[in-house]
PDB file of N, CA and C in Angstrom:
ATOM      1  N   MET A   1    -129.018  43.818-106.583  1.00  0.00           N
ATOM      2  CA  MET A   1    -128.151  44.779-106.966  1.00  0.00           C
ATOM      3  C   MET A   1    -127.397  43.778-108.042  1.00  0.00           C
ATOM      4  N   ILE A   2    -127.225  43.822-109.305  1.00  0.00           N
ATOM      5  CA  ILE A   2    -126.706  43.604-110.198  1.00  0.00           C
ATOM      6  C   ILE A   2    -125.266  43.965-110.433  1.00  0.00           C
ATOM      7  N   ASP A   3    -125.021  45.085-110.732  1.00  0.00           N
ATOM      8  CA  ASP A   3    -123.890  46.051-110.623  1.00  0.00           C
ATOM      9  C   ASP A   3    -123.108  46.488-109.628  1.00  0.00           C
ATOM     10  N   PRO A   4    -122.025  45.852-109.152  1.00  0.00           N
ATOM     11  CA  PRO A   4    -121.445  45.808-107.947  1.00  0.00           C
ATOM     12  C   PRO A   4    -120.971  47.357-107.928  1.00  0.00           C
ATOM     13  N   GLU A   5    -120.905  48.088-108.718  1.00  0.00           N
ATOM     14  CA  GLU A   5    -120.516  49.635-108.881  1.00  0.00           C
ATOM     15  C   GLU A   5    -121.653  50.474-107.950  1.00  0.00           C
ATOM     16  N   LYS A   6    -122.689  49.808-107.732  1.00  0.00           N
ATOM     17  CA  LYS A   6    -124.105  50.898-107.862  1.00  0.00           C
ATOM     18  C   LYS A   6    -124.680  50.199-106.811  1.00  0.00           C
ATOM     19  N   VAL A   7    -123.804  49.893-105.581  1.00  0.00           N
ATOM     20  CA  VAL A   7    -124.501  49.399-104.234  1.00  0.00           C
ATOM     21  C   VAL A   7    -124.578  50.308-103.338  1.00  0.00           C
ATOM     22  N   THR A   8    -125.642  50.126-102.188  1.00  0.00           N
ATOM     23  CA  THR A   8    -126.123  50.875-101.241  1.00  0.00           C
ATOM     24  C   THR A   8    -124.782  50.831-100.356  1.00  0.00           C
ATOM     25  N   LEU A   9    -124.801  52.156 -99.486  1.00  0.00           N
ATOM     26  CA  LEU A   9    -123.709  51.891 -98.702  1.00  0.00           C
ATOM     27  C   LEU A   9    -123.880  51.183 -97.133  1.00  0.00           C
ATOM     28  N   GLN A  10    -125.123  50.259 -96.746  1.00  0.00           N
ATOM     29  CA  GLN A  10    -124.998  49.318 -96.080  1.00  0.00           C
ATOM     30  C   GLN A  10    -124.758  47.965 -96.857  1.00  0.00           C
ATOM     31  N   VAL A  11    -124.819  47.890 -98.156  1.00  0.00           N
ATOM     32  CA  VAL A  11    -124.130  46.684 -98.561  1.00  0.00           C
ATOM     33  C   VAL A  11    -122.820  46.605 -98.879  1.00  0.00           C
ATOM     34  N   ALA A  12    -122.000  47.672 -99.232  1.00  0.00           N
ATOM     35  CA  ALA A  12    -120.694  47.777 -99.837  1.00  0.00           C
ATOM     36  C   ALA A  12    -119.799  47.021 -98.254  1.00  0.00           C
ATOM     37  N   PRO A  13    -120.065  47.458 -97.050  1.00  0.00           N
ATOM     38  CA  PRO A  13    -119.189  46.591 -96.330  1.00  0.00           C
ATOM     39  C   PRO A  13    -119.262  45.111 -96.113  1.00  0.00           C
ATOM     40  N   ALA A  14    -120.635  44.727 -96.629  1.00  0.00           N
ATOM     41  CA  ALA A  14    -120.754  43.487 -96.480  1.00  0.00           C
ATOM     42  C   ALA A  14    -120.102  42.869 -97.449  1.00  0.00           C
ATOM     43  N   ASN A  15    -119.676  43.281 -98.618  1.00  0.00           N
ATOM     44  CA  ASN A  15    -119.184  42.741-100.068  1.00  0.00           C
ATOM     45  C   ASN A  15    -117.533  42.790 -99.466  1.00  0.00           C
ATOM     46  N   LEU A  16    -117.219  43.613 -98.657  1.00  0.00           N
ATOM     47  CA  LEU A  16    -116.018  43.545 -98.119  1.00  0.00           C
ATOM     48  C   LEU A  16    -115.326  41.894 -97.849  1.00  0.00           C
ATOM     49  N   ASN A  17    -116.349  41.491 -97.172  1.00  0.00           N
ATOM     50  CA  ASN A  17    -115.987  40.136 -96.768  1.00  0.00           C
ATOM     51  C   ASN A  17    -115.939  38.967 -97.947  1.00  0.00           C
ATOM     52  N   VAL A  18    -114.642  38.100 -97.723  1.00  0.00           N
ATOM     53  CA  VAL A  18    -114.732  37.282 -98.892  1.00  0.00           C
ATOM     54  C   VAL A  18    -114.966  35.702 -98.168  1.00  0.00           C
ATOM     55  N   LEU A  19    -115.105  34.791 -98.740  1.00  0.00           N
ATOM     56  CA  LEU A  19    -115.904  33.863 -98.428  1.00  0.00           C
ATOM     57  C   LEU A  19    -114.781  33.138 -97.333  1.00  0.00           C
ATOM     58  N   TYR A  20    -113.506  32.945 -97.285  1.00  0.00           N
ATOM     59  CA  TYR A  20    -113.073  32.074 -96.614  1.00  0.00           C
ATOM     60  C   TYR A  20    -112.101  33.224 -95.957  1.00  0.00           C
ATOM     61  N   ASN A  21    -111.702  34.539 -96.317  1.00  0.00           N
ATOM     62  CA  ASN A  21    -110.401  35.279 -96.079  1.00  0.00           C
ATOM     63  C   ASN A  21    -111.395  36.587 -95.843  1.00  0.00           C
ATOM     64  N   ALA A  22    -111.772  37.135 -94.736  1.00  0.00           N
ATOM     65  CA  ALA A  22    -111.978  37.814 -94.515  1.00  0.00           C
ATOM     66  C   ALA A  22    -110.866  39.276 -93.501  1.00  0.00           C
ATOM     67  N   ASP A  23    -111.010  40.201 -94.372  1.00  0.00           N
ATOM     68  CA  ASP A  23    -109.865  41.473 -93.839  1.00  0.00           C
ATOM     69  C   ASP A  23    -110.643  42.172 -93.136  1.00  0.00           C
ATOM     70  N   TYR A  24    -110.657  41.949 -91.199  1.00  0.00           N
ATOM     71  CA  TYR A  24    -111.246  42.753 -90.670  1.00  0.00           C
ATOM     72  C   TYR A  24    -111.142  44.126 -90.387  1.00  0.00           C
ATOM     73  N   ALA A  25    -109.854  44.432 -90.991  1.00  0.00           N
ATOM     74  CA  ALA A  25    -109.390  46.288 -90.848  1.00  0.00           C
ATOM     75  C   ALA A  25    -110.511  46.799 -92.093  1.00  0.00           C
ATOM     76  N   LEU A  26    -110.264  46.138 -92.926  1.00  0.00           N
ATOM     77  CA  LEU A  26    -110.823  46.639 -94.130  1.00  0.00           C
ATOM     78  C   LEU A  26    -112.388  46.926 -93.846  1.00  0.00           C
ATOM     79  N   VAL A  27    -112.653  45.517 -93.313  1.00  0.00           N
ATOM     80  CA  VAL A  27    -114.326  45.857 -92.654  1.00  0.00           C
ATOM     81  C   VAL A  27    -114.728  46.806 -91.839  1.00  0.00           C
ATOM     82  N   MET A  28    -113.845  46.897 -91.047  1.00  0.00           N
ATOM     83  CA  MET A  28    -114.371  48.009 -89.986  1.00  0.00           C
ATOM     84  C   MET A  28    -114.054  49.291 -90.563  1.00  0.00           C
ATOM     85  N   ALA A  29    -113.112  49.672 -91.131  1.00  0.00           N
ATOM     86  CA  ALA A  29    -112.811  50.899 -92.031  1.00  0.00           C
ATOM     87  C   ALA A  29    -114.210  51.262 -93.081  1.00  0.00           C
ATOM     88  N   GLY A  30    -114.409  50.127 -93.680  1.00  0.00           N
ATOM     89  CA  GLY A  30    -115.784  50.557 -94.233  1.00  0.00           C
ATOM     90  C   GLY A  30    -117.252  50.713 -93.529  1.00  0.00           C
ATOM     91  N   ALA A  31    -117.000  49.810 -92.357  1.00  0.00           N
ATOM     92  CA  ALA A  31    -118.103  50.434 -91.652  1.00  0.00           C
ATOM     93  C   ALA A  31    -118.072  51.707 -91.040  1.00  0.00           C
ATOM     94  N   LEU A  32    -116.799  52.074 -90.417  1.00  0.00           N
ATOM     95  CA  LEU A  32    -116.471  53.628 -90.102  1.00  0.00           C
ATOM     96  C   LEU A  32    -117.259  54.647 -90.967  1.00  0.00           C
ATOM     97  N   MET A  33    -116.246  54.374 -92.336  1.00  0.00           N
ATOM     98  CA  MET A  33    -117.099  55.339 -93.163  1.00  0.00           C
ATOM     99  C   MET A  33    -118.460  55.433 -93.687  1.00  0.00           C
ATOM    100  N   SER A  34    -119.163  54.522 -93.233  1.00  0.00           N
ATOM    101  CA  SER A  34    -120.615  54.462 -93.659  1.00  0.00           C
ATOM    102  C   SER A  34    -121.303  55.136 -92.371  1.00  0.00           C
ATOM    103  N   VAL A  35    -120.639  55.143 -91.092  1.00  0.00           N
ATOM    104  CA  VAL A  35    -121.205  55.851 -89.881  1.00  0.00           C
ATOM    105  C   VAL A  35    -120.784  56.897 -89.635  1.00  0.00           C
ATOM    106  N   ILE A  36    -119.904  57.659 -90.420  1.00  0.00           N
ATOM    107  CA  ILE A  36    -119.498  59.183 -89.945  1.00  0.00           C
ATOM    108  C   ILE A  36    -120.732  59.774 -90.619  1.00  0.00           C
ATOM    109  N   PRO A  37    -121.024  60.037 -91.491  1.00  0.00           N
ATOM    110  CA  PRO A  37    -122.302  60.693 -92.193  1.00  0.00           C
ATOM    111  C   PRO A  37    -123.611  61.055 -91.404  1.00  0.00           C
ATOM    112  N   LEU A  38    -123.826  59.446 -90.611  1.00  0.00           N
ATOM    113  CA  LEU A  38    -125.003  59.481 -89.926  1.00  0.00           C
ATOM    114  C   LEU A  38    -124.800  60.366 -88.371  1.00  0.00           C
ATOM    115  N   ILE A  39    -123.139  60.289 -87.913  1.00  0.00           N
ATOM    116  CA  ILE A  39    -123.338  60.778 -86.984  1.00  0.00           C
ATOM    117  C   ILE A  39    -123.198  62.722 -87.262  1.00  0.00           C
ATOM    118  N   VAL A  40    -122.523  62.892 -88.037  1.00  0.00           N
ATOM    119  CA  VAL A  40    -122.738  64.081 -88.546  1.00  0.00           C
ATOM    120  C   VAL A  40    -123.957  65.056 -88.708  1.00  0.00           C
ATOM    121  N   VAL A  41    -124.882  64.159 -89.000  1.00  0.00           N
ATOM    122  CA  VAL A  41    -126.135  64.438 -89.628  1.00  0.00           C
ATOM    123  C   VAL A  41    -127.050  64.468 -88.341  1.00  0.00           C
ATOM    124  N   PHE A  42    -126.742  63.265 -87.266  1.00  0.00           N
ATOM    125  CA  PHE A  42    -127.050  63.669 -85.873  1.00  0.00           C
ATOM    126  C   PHE A  42    -126.745  64.758 -85.048  1.00  0.00           C
ATOM    127  N   LEU A  43    -125.435  65.332 -84.802  1.00  0.00           N
ATOM    128  CA  LEU A  43    -125.070  66.034 -84.312  1.00  0.00           C
ATOM    129  C   LEU A  43    -125.671  67.784 -84.863  1.00  0.00           C
ATOM    130  N   PHE A  44    -125.546  67.649 -85.739  1.00  0.00           N
ATOM    131  CA  PHE A  44    -126.322  68.917 -86.476  1.00  0.00           C
ATOM    132  C   PHE A  44    -127.735  68.983 -86.056  1.00  0.00           C
ATOM    133  N   GLY A  45    -128.241  67.915 -86.483  1.00  0.00           N
ATOM    134  CA  GLY A  45    -129.582  67.802 -86.427  1.00  0.00           C
ATOM    135  C   GLY A  45    -130.266  67.912 -84.902  1.00  0.00           C
ATOM    136  N   ALA A  46    -129.537  67.172 -83.996  1.00  0.00           N
ATOM    137  CA  ALA A  46    -129.767  67.317 -82.403  1.00  0.00           C
ATOM    138  C   ALA A  46    -130.298  68.319 -81.984  1.00  0.00           C
ATOM    139  N   ARG A  47    -129.453  69.377 -82.030  1.00  0.00           N
ATOM    140  CA  ARG A  47    -129.389  70.853 -81.645  1.00  0.00           C
ATOM    141  C   ARG A  47    -130.760  71.315 -81.677  1.00  0.00           C
ATOM    142  N   HIS A  48    -130.954  71.268 -83.111  1.00  0.00           N
ATOM    143  CA  HIS A  48    -132.333  71.868 -83.462  1.00  0.00           C
ATOM    144  C   HIS A  48    -133.436  70.768 -83.282  1.00  0.00           C
ATOM    145  N   PHE A  49    -133.428  70.080 -83.059  1.00  0.00           N
ATOM    146  CA  PHE A  49    -134.392  68.858 -82.613  1.00  0.00           C
ATOM    147  C   PHE A  49    -134.682  69.451 -81.130  1.00  0.00           C
ATOM    148  N   LEU A  50    -133.853  69.390 -80.129  1.00  0.00           N
ATOM    149  CA  LEU A  50    -134.198  69.469 -78.921  1.00  0.00           C
ATOM    150  C   LEU A  50    -134.385  71.266 -78.544  1.00  0.00           C
ATOM    151  N   ARG A  51    -134.177  71.982 -79.535  1.00  0.00           N
ATOM    152  CA  ARG A  51    -134.432  73.620 -79.254  1.00  0.00           C
ATOM    153  C   ARG A  51    -135.723  73.266 -79.660  1.00  0.00           C
ATOM    154  N   ASP A  52    -136.366  72.886 -80.679  1.00  0.00           N
ATOM    155  CA  ASP A  52    -137.774  72.952 -81.311  1.00  0.00           C
ATOM    156  C   ASP A  52    -138.950  72.250 -79.996  1.00  0.00           C
ATOM    157  N   LEU A  53    -137.967  70.629 -79.174  1.00  0.00           N
ATOM    158  CA  LEU A  53    -139.054  70.344 -78.658  1.00  0.00           C
ATOM    159  C   LEU A  53    -139.017  71.183 -77.237  1.00  0.00           C
ATOM    160  N   ALA A  54    -137.896  71.565 -76.758  1.00  0.00           N
ATOM    161  CA  ALA A  54    -138.057  72.798 -75.602  1.00  0.00           C
ATOM    162  C   ALA A  54    -138.937  73.651 -75.822  1.00  0.00           C
ATOM    163  N   ALA A  55    -138.986  74.265 -76.880  1.00  0.00           N
ATOM    164  CA  ALA A  55    -139.945  75.309 -77.529  1.00  0.00           C
ATOM    165  C   ALA A  55    -141.432  75.319 -77.521  1.00  0.00           C
ATOM    166  N   GLY A  56    -141.660  73.639 -77.890  1.00  0.00           N
ATOM    167  CA  GLY A  56    -142.603  73.268 -77.894  1.00  0.00           C
ATOM    168  C   GLY A  56    -143.210  73.173 -76.538  1.00  0.00           C
ATOM    169  N   ALA A  57    -142.553  72.486 -75.610  1.00  0.00           N
ATOM    170  CA  ALA A  57    -142.935  72.255 -74.060  1.00  0.00           C
ATOM    171  C   ALA A  57    -143.054  73.317 -73.129  1.00  0.00           C
ATOM    172  N   MET A  58    -143.077  74.601 -73.864  1.00  0.00           N
ATOM    173  CA  MET A  58    -143.471  75.987 -73.298  1.00  0.00           C
ATOM    174  C   MET A  58    -144.569  76.276 -72.891  1.00  0.00           C
ATOM    175  N   LYS A  59    -145.395  76.654 -72.098  1.00  0.00           N
ATOM    176  CA  LYS A  59    -146.962  77.354 -71.933  1.00  0.00           C
ATOM    177  C   LYS A  59    -146.792  78.752 -72.606  1.00  0.00           C
ATOM    178  N   MET A  60    -147.756  78.936 -73.172  1.00  0.00           N
ATOM    179  CA  MET A  60    -147.767  80.278 -74.020  1.00  0.00           C
ATOM    180  C   MET A  60    -149.082  81.046 -73.222  1.00  0.00           C
TER     181      MET A  60
END
């Protein structure tokens, strides 16, 4: 990643750490912001996944 404006979501919180002075509140806020989309996708997808899993388990 040469361009700092085009880093991935996983690399961005790691860049918030400075060599000797880490602002942990900023790092934790960045980690939270990167996890929220994953939680939202999981909450919407889990219902469909479990429904399809239960439908596949039924004998016809």
